[in-house]
Amino acid sequence: MAVLDSLDEIDEMAAELADRFGPIPDPVDNLLYQLRTKVLARKAGVAGITTEAGQIQIRFPEGNGQARPQLQRYLGQGVRVSRKGVWLGRDMTTHDWQVALVQTLEKLQMINDGDQN
């Protein structure tokens, strides 16, 4: 699984596992989620994802010149943009913060790709 490097490959692996073994158990589903966020983070050009003080931080690479006010408006109220990254609160259910993380990474990828519609 560690060599999977695209969302399509991860989805194919999940489908194959489900086809062979039935419903995917939570630990495997969590691993697939981690692989998906790793791919999304790479595509978004982020330096890393960590947790600190009960929040999730999506760290920008050093020297990232993101315009903070514009980025804050683009990402919306559910996040806080700082000089070094984007912060997501974890004061929600596991499913909700996982969805919020993926959505934020997808938006950052659109910025990285130059498409901010």
C-alpha atoms as a PDB file:
ATOM      1  CA  MET A   1       0.000   0.000   0.000  1.00  0.00           C
ATOM      2  CA  ALA A   2       2.888   2.373   0.659  1.00  0.00           C
ATOM      3  CA  VAL A   3       3.721   2.528  -3.050  1.00  0.00           C
ATOM      4  CA  LEU A   4       0.275   3.788  -4.030  1.00  0.00           C
ATOM      5  CA  ASP A   5       0.754   7.349  -5.208  1.00  0.00           C
ATOM      6  CA  SER A   6      -2.532   8.423  -6.766  1.00  0.00           C
ATOM      7  CA  LEU A   7      -6.115   8.631  -5.582  1.00  0.00           C
ATOM      8  CA  ASP A   8      -7.166   6.301  -8.402  1.00  0.00           C
ATOM      9  CA  GLU A   9      -4.672   3.634  -7.286  1.00  0.00           C
ATOM     10  CA  ILE A  10      -5.893   3.925  -3.692  1.00  0.00           C
ATOM     11  CA  ASP A  11      -9.537   3.641  -4.799  1.00  0.00           C
ATOM     12  CA  GLU A  12      -8.664   0.588  -6.920  1.00  0.00           C
ATOM     13  CA  MET A  13      -6.941  -1.025  -3.930  1.00  0.00           C
ATOM     14  CA  ALA A  14      -9.976  -0.335  -1.717  1.00  0.00           C
ATOM     15  CA  ALA A  15     -12.309  -1.852  -4.315  1.00  0.00           C
ATOM     16  CA  GLU A  16     -10.091  -4.911  -4.686  1.00  0.00           C
ATOM     17  CA  LEU A  17      -9.919  -5.414  -0.913  1.00  0.00           C
ATOM     18  CA  ALA A  18     -13.688  -5.097  -0.603  1.00  0.00           C
ATOM     19  CA  ASP A  19     -14.211  -7.488  -3.511  1.00  0.00           C
ATOM     20  CA  ARG A  20     -11.889 -10.125  -2.048  1.00  0.00           C
ATOM     21  CA  PHE A  21     -12.619  -9.826   1.658  1.00  0.00           C
ATOM     22  CA  GLY A  22     -15.949  -8.058   2.041  1.00  0.00           C
ATOM     23  CA  PRO A  23     -16.512  -4.863   4.035  1.00  0.00           C
ATOM     24  CA  ILE A  24     -13.292  -3.026   4.805  1.00  0.00           C
ATOM     25  CA  PRO A  25     -12.537  -2.998   8.567  1.00  0.00           C
ATOM     26  CA  ASP A  26     -12.027   0.370  10.280  1.00  0.00           C
ATOM     27  CA  PRO A  27      -8.225   0.014  10.718  1.00  0.00           C
ATOM     28  CA  VAL A  28      -7.781  -0.615   6.973  1.00  0.00           C
ATOM     29  CA  ASP A  29     -10.206   2.190   6.131  1.00  0.00           C
ATOM     30  CA  ASN A  30      -8.151   4.513   8.352  1.00  0.00           C
ATOM     31  CA  LEU A  31      -4.970   3.479   6.536  1.00  0.00           C
ATOM     32  CA  LEU A  32      -6.602   4.192   3.172  1.00  0.00           C
ATOM     33  CA  TYR A  33      -7.689   7.612   4.494  1.00  0.00           C
ATOM     34  CA  GLN A  34      -4.107   8.367   5.550  1.00  0.00           C
ATOM     35  CA  LEU A  35      -2.838   7.370   2.112  1.00  0.00           C
ATOM     36  CA  ARG A  36      -5.427   9.637   0.465  1.00  0.00           C
ATOM     37  CA  THR A  37      -4.470  12.615   2.638  1.00  0.00           C
ATOM     38  CA  LYS A  38      -0.784  11.982   1.883  1.00  0.00           C
ATOM     39  CA  VAL A  39      -1.483  12.121  -1.862  1.00  0.00           C
ATOM     40  CA  LEU A  40      -3.684  15.211  -1.499  1.00  0.00           C
ATOM     41  CA  ALA A  41      -1.066  16.963   0.643  1.00  0.00           C
ATOM     42  CA  ARG A  42       1.630  16.287  -1.931  1.00  0.00           C
ATOM     43  CA  LYS A  43      -0.590  17.629  -4.739  1.00  0.00           C
ATOM     44  CA  ALA A  44      -1.449  20.694  -2.632  1.00  0.00           C
ATOM     45  CA  GLY A  45       2.233  21.430  -2.088  1.00  0.00           C
ATOM     46  CA  VAL A  46       2.046  21.396   1.706  1.00  0.00           C
ATOM     47  CA  ALA A  47       5.063  20.598   3.851  1.00  0.00           C
ATOM     48  CA  GLY A  48       3.213  18.406   6.339  1.00  0.00           C
ATOM     49  CA  ILE A  49       0.170  17.809   8.495  1.00  0.00           C
ATOM     50  CA  THR A  50       0.491  17.736  12.272  1.00  0.00           C
ATOM     51  CA  THR A  51      -1.633  18.167  15.360  1.00  0.00           C
ATOM     52  CA  GLU A  52      -0.891  20.725  18.018  1.00  0.00           C
ATOM     53  CA  ALA A  53      -2.932  22.073  20.920  1.00  0.00           C
ATOM     54  CA  GLY A  54      -6.011  20.128  19.835  1.00  0.00           C
ATOM     55  CA  GLN A  55      -5.898  21.460  16.284  1.00  0.00           C
ATOM     56  CA  ILE A  56      -4.743  20.133  12.935  1.00  0.00           C
ATOM     57  CA  GLN A  57      -2.063  22.192  11.212  1.00  0.00           C
ATOM     58  CA  ILE A  58      -1.453  21.999   7.488  1.00  0.00           C
ATOM     59  CA  ARG A  59       2.076  23.401   7.262  1.00  0.00           C
ATOM     60  CA  PHE A  60       3.227  25.510   4.330  1.00  0.00           C
ATOM     61  CA  PRO A  61       6.692  25.021   2.855  1.00  0.00           C
ATOM     62  CA  GLU A  62       9.341  27.498   4.012  1.00  0.00           C
ATOM     63  CA  GLY A  63       9.171  30.782   2.131  1.00  0.00           C
ATOM     64  CA  ASN A  64       5.585  30.254   1.005  1.00  0.00           C
ATOM     65  CA  GLY A  65       4.294  33.676   0.052  1.00  0.00           C
ATOM     66  CA  GLN A  66       0.580  33.005   0.446  1.00  0.00           C
ATOM     67  CA  ALA A  67      -1.463  36.174   0.887  1.00  0.00           C
ATOM     68  CA  ARG A  68      -3.115  35.387   4.206  1.00  0.00           C
ATOM     69  CA  PRO A  69      -6.293  37.534   3.955  1.00  0.00           C
ATOM     70  CA  GLN A  70      -7.117  36.247   0.470  1.00  0.00           C
ATOM     71  CA  LEU A  71      -6.373  32.662   1.482  1.00  0.00           C
ATOM     72  CA  GLN A  72      -8.575  33.025   4.584  1.00  0.00           C
ATOM     73  CA  ARG A  73     -11.483  34.267   2.449  1.00  0.00           C
ATOM     74  CA  TYR A  74     -10.989  31.440  -0.058  1.00  0.00           C
ATOM     75  CA  LEU A  75     -10.802  28.681   2.565  1.00  0.00           C
ATOM     76  CA  GLY A  76     -13.697  30.028   4.635  1.00  0.00           C
ATOM     77  CA  GLN A  77     -14.581  30.320   8.287  1.00  0.00           C
ATOM     78  CA  GLY A  78     -13.853  26.745   9.320  1.00  0.00           C
ATOM     79  CA  VAL A  79     -10.101  27.330   9.276  1.00  0.00           C
ATOM     80  CA  ARG A  80      -7.558  29.830  10.560  1.00  0.00           C
ATOM     81  CA  VAL A  81      -4.741  30.893   8.271  1.00  0.00           C
ATOM     82  CA  SER A  82      -1.427  31.756   9.897  1.00  0.00           C
ATOM     83  CA  ARG A  83       1.959  32.719   8.509  1.00  0.00           C
ATOM     84  CA  LYS A  84       3.127  29.100   8.588  1.00  0.00           C
ATOM     85  CA  GLY A  85      -0.027  27.195   7.698  1.00  0.00           C
ATOM     86  CA  VAL A  86      -3.710  26.525   7.974  1.00  0.00           C
ATOM     87  CA  TRP A  87      -5.290  25.423  11.250  1.00  0.00           C
ATOM     88  CA  LEU A  88      -8.404  23.274  11.594  1.00  0.00           C
ATOM     89  CA  GLY A  89     -10.177  22.779  14.893  1.00  0.00           C
ATOM     90  CA  ARG A  90     -10.782  19.237  16.067  1.00  0.00           C
ATOM     91  CA  ASP A  91     -13.851  20.137  18.085  1.00  0.00           C
ATOM     92  CA  MET A  92     -16.022  18.001  15.806  1.00  0.00           C
ATOM     93  CA  THR A  93     -16.582  14.328  15.170  1.00  0.00           C
ATOM     94  CA  THR A  94     -13.766  12.284  13.662  1.00  0.00           C
ATOM     95  CA  HIS A  95     -15.666  11.955  10.401  1.00  0.00           C
ATOM     96  CA  ASP A  96     -16.339  15.709  10.233  1.00  0.00           C
ATOM     97  CA  TRP A  97     -12.713  16.769  10.801  1.00  0.00           C
ATOM     98  CA  GLN A  98     -11.530  14.149   8.304  1.00  0.00           C
ATOM     99  CA  VAL A  99     -13.909  15.571   5.696  1.00  0.00           C
ATOM    100  CA  ALA A 100     -12.823  19.139   6.562  1.00  0.00           C
ATOM    101  CA  LEU A 101      -9.151  18.169   6.175  1.00  0.00           C
ATOM    102  CA  VAL A 102      -9.734  16.597   2.751  1.00  0.00           C
ATOM    103  CA  GLN A 103     -11.786  19.588   1.567  1.00  0.00           C
ATOM    104  CA  THR A 104      -9.117  22.027   2.723  1.00  0.00           C
ATOM    105  CA  LEU A 105      -6.372  20.025   0.997  1.00  0.00           C
ATOM    106  CA  GLU A 106      -8.438  19.947  -2.195  1.00  0.00           C
ATOM    107  CA  LYS A 107      -8.854  23.738  -2.080  1.00  0.00           C
ATOM    108  CA  LEU A 108      -5.128  24.191  -1.463  1.00  0.00           C
ATOM    109  CA  GLN A 109      -4.440  21.922  -4.425  1.00  0.00           C
ATOM    110  CA  MET A 110      -6.629  24.133  -6.624  1.00  0.00           C
ATOM    111  CA  ILE A 111      -4.584  27.142  -5.510  1.00  0.00           C
ATOM    112  CA  ASN A 112      -1.373  25.230  -6.164  1.00  0.00           C
ATOM    113  CA  ASP A 113      -2.672  24.347  -9.639  1.00  0.00           C
ATOM    114  CA  GLY A 114      -3.663  27.984 -10.242  1.00  0.00           C
ATOM    115  CA  ASP A 115      -7.442  27.410 -10.348  1.00  0.00           C
ATOM    116  CA  GLN A 116      -9.321  29.336  -7.649  1.00  0.00           C
ATOM    117  CA  ASN A 117     -12.920  29.161  -8.918  1.00  0.00           C
END
